């Protein structure tokens, strides 16, 4: 009987998880290309949302330790906080890109063009930056359904399935949070 309830609870949330997993990246992609005219660029946001990424990574690690120590309440509170941190990050990230031009890694003179001298000056760091950025972006999309499924399995008390998917969700989400900070630290010298 309990297994039937778990299946019904999972199905109840599946459509919402699928919807959010598709809508969030699509809306972000659309908004990324939108510029709000006559608005002061929100150039103060990148260090704030990078800090939120760092905070998310710390929260995830503490939440992992909390559950290992069987502190369920702390774990639940921290995981909910990590989700809200990720939402805050996303809102600020989109707001920044709707008001500011993208910064190019290595653009020392801030003209929006990476000329051969600038490319040479940054050397292989450019490839490292692009690798970290690309994996961060791809996994930030991939992680959405993982986080939502993991969360739903926890709130519906489907603990065995929750544990199983959390083993995948945790390292992926932690990677996204940490690489968000790394991307910021690498590109920050090139902000105007």
Protein backbone atom coordinates (compact mmCIF):
# COMPACT_ATOMS: atom_id res chain seq x y z
CA UNK A 1 0.00 0.00 0.00
CA UNK A 2 2.79 2.43 0.90
CA UNK A 3 4.54 1.75 -2.44
CA UNK A 4 1.33 2.68 -4.31
CA UNK A 5 1.16 5.99 -2.42
CA UNK A 6 4.80 6.74 -3.29
CA UNK A 7 4.12 6.07 -6.99
CA UNK A 8 1.05 8.32 -6.92
CA UNK A 9 3.00 11.07 -5.13
CA UNK A 10 5.82 10.81 -7.68
CA UNK A 11 3.38 10.96 -10.61
CA UNK A 12 1.63 13.97 -9.07
CA UNK A 13 4.87 15.95 -9.26
CA UNK A 14 6.34 14.49 -12.48
CA UNK A 15 4.49 16.85 -14.83
CA UNK A 16 5.59 19.87 -12.78
CA UNK A 17 9.20 18.63 -12.72
CA UNK A 18 9.18 18.11 -16.49
CA UNK A 19 7.55 21.49 -17.06
CA UNK A 20 10.05 23.35 -14.85
CA UNK A 21 13.00 21.41 -16.28
CA UNK A 22 12.08 22.63 -19.77
CA UNK A 23 10.64 26.07 -19.03
CA UNK A 24 13.46 27.35 -16.79
CA UNK A 25 16.30 26.86 -19.33
CA UNK A 26 14.13 28.09 -22.22
CA UNK A 27 13.05 31.24 -20.37
CA UNK A 28 16.63 31.90 -19.23
CA UNK A 29 17.89 31.49 -22.81
CA UNK A 30 15.22 33.85 -24.13
CA UNK A 31 15.81 36.44 -21.41
CA UNK A 32 19.57 36.17 -21.91
CA UNK A 33 19.04 37.73 -25.36
CA UNK A 34 16.73 40.50 -24.10
CA UNK A 35 18.20 43.90 -23.30
CA UNK A 36 16.24 46.33 -21.19
CA UNK A 37 16.83 49.76 -22.78
CA UNK A 38 17.67 52.86 -20.79
CA UNK A 39 18.44 50.93 -17.61
CA UNK A 40 21.65 51.31 -15.67
CA UNK A 41 23.69 48.09 -16.09
CA UNK A 42 23.54 45.96 -12.95
CA UNK A 43 27.31 45.52 -12.87
CA UNK A 44 27.32 45.07 -9.10
CA UNK A 45 25.54 41.69 -9.39
CA UNK A 46 28.29 39.27 -10.55
CA UNK A 47 30.23 39.26 -7.26
CA UNK A 48 26.96 38.86 -5.38
CA UNK A 49 25.73 35.90 -7.40
CA UNK A 50 29.21 34.35 -7.37
CA UNK A 51 29.12 34.61 -3.58
CA UNK A 52 25.69 32.97 -3.58
CA UNK A 53 27.18 30.11 -5.64
CA UNK A 54 29.95 29.76 -3.06
CA UNK A 55 27.41 29.85 -0.24
CA UNK A 56 25.36 27.18 -2.04
CA UNK A 57 28.44 24.93 -2.23
CA UNK A 58 29.08 25.39 1.50
CA UNK A 59 25.43 24.73 2.34
CA UNK A 60 25.45 21.55 0.23
CA UNK A 61 28.54 20.25 2.04
CA UNK A 62 27.11 21.06 5.48
CA UNK A 63 23.78 19.46 4.48
CA UNK A 64 25.65 16.34 3.37
CA UNK A 65 27.44 16.17 6.71
CA UNK A 66 24.15 16.80 8.54
CA UNK A 67 22.45 13.84 6.92
CA UNK A 68 25.49 11.63 7.52
CA UNK A 69 25.14 12.60 11.21
CA UNK A 70 21.41 11.80 11.01
CA UNK A 71 20.41 15.41 11.65
CA UNK A 72 17.35 15.32 9.39
CA UNK A 73 15.88 18.69 10.35
CA UNK A 74 19.14 20.54 9.70
CA UNK A 75 19.57 18.67 6.42
CA UNK A 76 16.04 19.58 5.26
CA UNK A 77 16.47 23.24 6.20
CA UNK A 78 19.85 23.48 4.50
CA UNK A 79 18.64 21.82 1.31
CA UNK A 80 15.64 24.16 1.12
CA UNK A 81 18.04 27.08 1.64
CA UNK A 82 20.32 25.76 -1.13
CA UNK A 83 17.36 25.65 -3.52
CA UNK A 84 16.41 29.24 -2.66
CA UNK A 85 20.04 30.31 -3.10
CA UNK A 86 20.02 28.76 -6.56
CA UNK A 87 16.80 30.60 -7.40
CA UNK A 88 18.31 33.90 -6.16
CA UNK A 89 21.42 33.24 -8.24
CA UNK A 90 19.35 32.60 -11.35
CA UNK A 91 17.26 35.77 -10.93
CA UNK A 92 20.38 37.93 -10.45
CA UNK A 93 22.22 36.24 -13.31
CA UNK A 94 19.36 36.90 -15.72
CA UNK A 95 18.93 40.49 -14.45
CA UNK A 96 22.63 41.17 -14.99
CA UNK A 97 22.59 39.81 -18.55
CA UNK A 98 19.41 41.73 -19.40
CA UNK A 99 21.12 45.00 -18.48
CA UNK A 100 24.77 44.39 -19.36
CA UNK A 101 26.82 43.22 -22.31
CA UNK A 102 28.60 39.91 -21.88
CA UNK A 103 32.24 40.14 -20.90
CA UNK A 104 34.79 38.27 -23.00
CA UNK A 105 37.50 36.36 -21.18
CA UNK A 106 40.86 37.96 -21.96
CA UNK A 107 39.42 41.24 -23.33
CA UNK A 108 42.03 43.40 -21.60
CA UNK A 109 41.09 46.63 -23.41
CA UNK A 110 37.32 46.06 -22.88
CA UNK A 111 36.38 46.63 -26.54
CA UNK A 112 34.33 43.42 -26.79
CA UNK A 113 36.80 41.82 -29.20
CA UNK A 114 39.46 39.30 -28.27
CA UNK A 115 42.32 40.27 -30.58
CA UNK A 116 45.36 38.05 -31.25
CA UNK A 117 47.54 39.90 -28.71
CA UNK A 118 44.92 39.45 -25.98
CA UNK A 119 44.52 35.78 -26.93
CA UNK A 120 48.26 35.30 -26.67
CA UNK A 121 48.36 37.11 -23.32
CA UNK A 122 45.84 34.75 -21.72
CA UNK A 123 47.24 31.66 -23.45
CA UNK A 124 45.85 28.28 -22.42
CA UNK A 125 43.79 29.90 -19.63
CA UNK A 126 41.26 30.75 -22.37
CA UNK A 127 40.69 27.04 -23.07
CA UNK A 128 40.48 26.22 -19.38
CA UNK A 129 37.98 29.04 -18.89
CA UNK A 130 35.81 27.85 -21.79
CA UNK A 131 35.91 24.25 -20.55
CA UNK A 132 34.86 25.26 -17.03
CA UNK A 133 32.21 27.64 -18.36
CA UNK A 134 30.78 25.12 -20.83
CA UNK A 135 30.58 22.31 -18.28
CA UNK A 136 29.07 24.73 -15.75
CA UNK A 137 26.36 25.84 -18.19
CA UNK A 138 25.52 22.34 -19.41
CA UNK A 139 25.35 20.89 -15.91
CA UNK A 140 23.35 23.87 -14.61
CA UNK A 141 20.63 22.83 -17.06
CA UNK A 142 21.04 19.11 -16.38
CA UNK A 143 20.86 19.60 -12.61
CA UNK A 144 17.37 21.17 -12.63
CA UNK A 145 15.38 17.92 -12.92
CA UNK A 146 17.81 16.15 -10.58
CA UNK A 147 17.28 18.74 -7.83
CA UNK A 148 13.52 18.76 -8.32
CA UNK A 149 13.20 14.96 -8.33
CA UNK A 150 15.47 14.65 -5.30
CA UNK A 151 13.46 17.27 -3.43
CA UNK A 152 10.10 15.72 -4.35
CA UNK A 153 11.25 12.29 -3.23
CA UNK A 154 12.22 13.80 0.11
CA UNK A 155 8.97 15.70 0.67
CA UNK A 156 6.89 12.68 -0.37
CA UNK A 157 8.88 10.55 2.08
CA UNK A 158 10.18 8.27 -0.67
CA UNK A 159 13.49 8.04 1.17
CA UNK A 160 15.09 5.07 -0.61
CA UNK A 161 14.58 6.67 -4.04
CA UNK A 162 15.61 10.03 -2.56
CA UNK A 163 18.93 8.58 -1.35
CA UNK A 164 19.54 6.90 -4.66
CA UNK A 165 19.14 10.04 -6.79
CA UNK A 166 20.78 12.29 -4.18
CA UNK A 167 24.01 10.35 -4.79
CA UNK A 168 23.96 11.79 -8.33
CA UNK A 169 22.41 15.16 -7.54
CA UNK A 170 24.87 16.15 -4.80
CA UNK A 171 28.13 15.99 -6.81
CA UNK A 172 26.53 17.55 -9.90
CA UNK A 173 25.00 20.43 -7.93
CA UNK A 174 28.22 20.92 -5.97
CA UNK A 175 30.18 21.06 -9.24
CA UNK A 176 27.80 23.68 -10.66
CA UNK A 177 28.05 25.80 -7.50
CA UNK A 178 31.86 25.62 -7.30
CA UNK A 179 32.43 26.20 -11.01
CA UNK A 180 30.12 29.22 -10.80
CA UNK A 181 32.63 30.77 -8.41
CA UNK A 182 35.59 29.69 -10.55
CA UNK A 183 34.04 31.20 -13.69
CA UNK A 184 33.49 34.49 -11.85
CA UNK A 185 37.04 34.57 -10.46
CA UNK A 186 38.48 33.87 -13.90
CA UNK A 187 36.42 36.50 -15.76
CA UNK A 188 36.28 39.21 -13.10
CA UNK A 189 39.53 40.92 -14.19
CA UNK A 190 37.88 41.62 -17.55
CA UNK A 191 34.71 43.29 -16.28
CA UNK A 192 34.49 46.97 -17.17
